[in-house]
Amino acid sequence: MYMFLPFLTAFLGLIFVWFDKRLVGLVFLAITVFILMYWFRVHATDHLSISL
């Protein structure tokens, strides 16, 4: 369920960019990147036993 959030924020960011709200769209896309980076860091260290 928690991995739905990056897809939602990316989708909202693309919608904002489509309607020429570039700054808001870039903020949403940046939030998406940070969520994915945090998720990968937690997933890699806990489940894959990779030290980052």
N, C-alpha and C. Protein backbone atom coordinates (compact mmCIF):
# COMPACT_ATOMS: atom_id res chain seq x y z
N MET A 1 0.82 -1.20 0.00
CA MET A 1 0.00 0.00 0.00
C MET A 1 0.86 1.26 0.00
N TYR A 2 1.97 1.24 0.75
CA TYR A 2 2.80 2.44 0.84
C TYR A 2 3.51 2.76 -0.47
N MET A 3 3.63 1.80 -1.38
CA MET A 3 4.28 2.08 -2.66
C MET A 3 3.32 2.72 -3.65
N PHE A 4 2.07 2.92 -3.25
CA PHE A 4 1.14 3.65 -4.10
C PHE A 4 1.46 5.14 -4.11
N LEU A 5 2.05 5.63 -3.01
CA LEU A 5 2.34 7.06 -2.87
C LEU A 5 3.28 7.61 -3.94
N PRO A 6 4.39 6.95 -4.30
CA PRO A 6 5.23 7.51 -5.37
C PRO A 6 4.51 7.58 -6.72
N PHE A 7 3.67 6.59 -7.00
CA PHE A 7 2.94 6.65 -8.26
C PHE A 7 1.93 7.79 -8.26
N LEU A 8 1.30 8.01 -7.13
CA LEU A 8 0.33 9.10 -7.01
C LEU A 8 1.02 10.45 -7.14
N THR A 9 2.15 10.65 -6.46
CA THR A 9 2.84 11.93 -6.53
C THR A 9 3.42 12.17 -7.93
N ALA A 10 3.91 11.12 -8.58
CA ALA A 10 4.41 11.28 -9.95
C ALA A 10 3.28 11.64 -10.90
N PHE A 11 2.14 11.00 -10.73
CA PHE A 11 0.99 11.29 -11.58
C PHE A 11 0.51 12.73 -11.38
N LEU A 12 0.41 13.15 -10.13
CA LEU A 12 0.01 14.53 -9.85
C LEU A 12 1.03 15.53 -10.40
N GLY A 13 2.31 15.21 -10.27
CA GLY A 13 3.34 16.08 -10.82
C GLY A 13 3.23 16.21 -12.33
N LEU A 14 2.96 15.11 -13.01
CA LEU A 14 2.80 15.17 -14.46
C LEU A 14 1.55 15.94 -14.87
N ILE A 15 0.49 15.82 -14.10
CA ILE A 15 -0.72 16.60 -14.39
C ILE A 15 -0.45 18.09 -14.22
N PHE A 16 0.26 18.46 -13.15
CA PHE A 16 0.58 19.87 -12.96
C PHE A 16 1.47 20.40 -14.08
N VAL A 17 2.44 19.62 -14.51
CA VAL A 17 3.30 20.05 -15.62
C VAL A 17 2.48 20.20 -16.90
N TRP A 18 1.53 19.30 -17.12
CA TRP A 18 0.68 19.35 -18.31
C TRP A 18 -0.12 20.65 -18.35
N PHE A 19 -0.57 21.12 -17.17
CA PHE A 19 -1.36 22.35 -17.11
C PHE A 19 -0.51 23.58 -16.82
N ASP A 20 0.77 23.52 -17.18
CA ASP A 20 1.71 24.64 -17.08
C ASP A 20 1.92 25.15 -15.67
N LYS A 21 1.83 24.29 -14.69
CA LYS A 21 2.21 24.62 -13.31
C LYS A 21 3.54 23.92 -13.05
N ARG A 22 4.59 24.39 -13.72
CA ARG A 22 5.86 23.67 -13.73
C ARG A 22 6.52 23.58 -12.36
N LEU A 23 6.48 24.66 -11.60
CA LEU A 23 7.14 24.64 -10.29
C LEU A 23 6.47 23.64 -9.35
N VAL A 24 5.14 23.64 -9.31
CA VAL A 24 4.42 22.69 -8.47
C VAL A 24 4.67 21.27 -8.96
N GLY A 25 4.68 21.09 -10.28
CA GLY A 25 4.95 19.76 -10.84
C GLY A 25 6.33 19.26 -10.49
N LEU A 26 7.32 20.15 -10.55
CA LEU A 26 8.68 19.74 -10.19
C LEU A 26 8.80 19.41 -8.71
N VAL A 27 8.05 20.11 -7.87
CA VAL A 27 8.05 19.79 -6.44
C VAL A 27 7.48 18.39 -6.23
N PHE A 28 6.37 18.07 -6.89
CA PHE A 28 5.78 16.75 -6.75
C PHE A 28 6.72 15.67 -7.29
N LEU A 29 7.39 15.93 -8.39
CA LEU A 29 8.33 14.95 -8.93
C LEU A 29 9.55 14.79 -8.03
N ALA A 30 9.98 15.86 -7.38
CA ALA A 30 11.08 15.77 -6.42
C ALA A 30 10.65 14.95 -5.20
N ILE A 31 9.42 15.15 -4.74
CA ILE A 31 8.90 14.34 -3.63
C ILE A 31 8.90 12.87 -4.02
N THR A 32 8.51 12.58 -5.25
CA THR A 32 8.50 11.20 -5.75
C THR A 32 9.90 10.60 -5.69
N VAL A 33 10.89 11.34 -6.14
CA VAL A 33 12.27 10.84 -6.14
C VAL A 33 12.75 10.58 -4.72
N PHE A 34 12.44 11.49 -3.79
CA PHE A 34 12.87 11.30 -2.41
C PHE A 34 12.18 10.10 -1.77
N ILE A 35 10.91 9.89 -2.07
CA ILE A 35 10.20 8.72 -1.53
C ILE A 35 10.85 7.44 -2.06
N LEU A 36 11.15 7.40 -3.35
CA LEU A 36 11.76 6.21 -3.94
C LEU A 36 13.17 5.97 -3.40
N MET A 37 13.94 7.05 -3.20
CA MET A 37 15.28 6.89 -2.63
C MET A 37 15.20 6.36 -1.20
N TYR A 38 14.28 6.90 -0.40
CA TYR A 38 14.11 6.43 0.97
C TYR A 38 13.66 4.97 0.99
N TRP A 39 12.70 4.63 0.13
CA TRP A 39 12.20 3.26 0.09
C TRP A 39 13.31 2.30 -0.33
N PHE A 40 14.09 2.68 -1.34
CA PHE A 40 15.17 1.79 -1.78
C PHE A 40 16.21 1.61 -0.70
N ARG A 41 16.53 2.69 0.02
CA ARG A 41 17.52 2.58 1.10
C ARG A 41 17.03 1.63 2.19
N VAL A 42 15.78 1.75 2.60
CA VAL A 42 15.22 0.87 3.63
C VAL A 42 15.12 -0.55 3.10
N HIS A 43 14.65 -0.72 1.88
CA HIS A 43 14.48 -2.05 1.31
C HIS A 43 15.83 -2.74 1.13
N ALA A 44 16.82 -1.99 0.66
CA ALA A 44 18.13 -2.59 0.41
C ALA A 44 18.82 -2.99 1.71
N THR A 45 18.69 -2.16 2.74
CA THR A 45 19.39 -2.48 3.98
C THR A 45 18.67 -3.55 4.79
N ASP A 46 17.36 -3.54 4.80
CA ASP A 46 16.60 -4.49 5.63
C ASP A 46 16.38 -5.84 4.94
N HIS A 47 15.96 -5.80 3.71
CA HIS A 47 15.54 -7.03 3.05
C HIS A 47 16.63 -7.66 2.19
N LEU A 48 17.48 -6.85 1.59
CA LEU A 48 18.52 -7.41 0.72
C LEU A 48 19.87 -7.50 1.40
N SER A 49 19.99 -6.96 2.59
CA SER A 49 21.24 -6.96 3.37
C SER A 49 22.40 -6.33 2.61
N ILE A 50 22.12 -5.22 1.96
CA ILE A 50 23.15 -4.44 1.28
C ILE A 50 23.43 -3.21 2.13
N SER A 51 24.68 -2.99 2.46
CA SER A 51 25.03 -1.83 3.27
C SER A 51 25.28 -0.64 2.36
N LEU A 52 24.46 0.40 2.52
CA LEU A 52 24.61 1.61 1.70
C LEU A 52 25.20 2.72 2.52
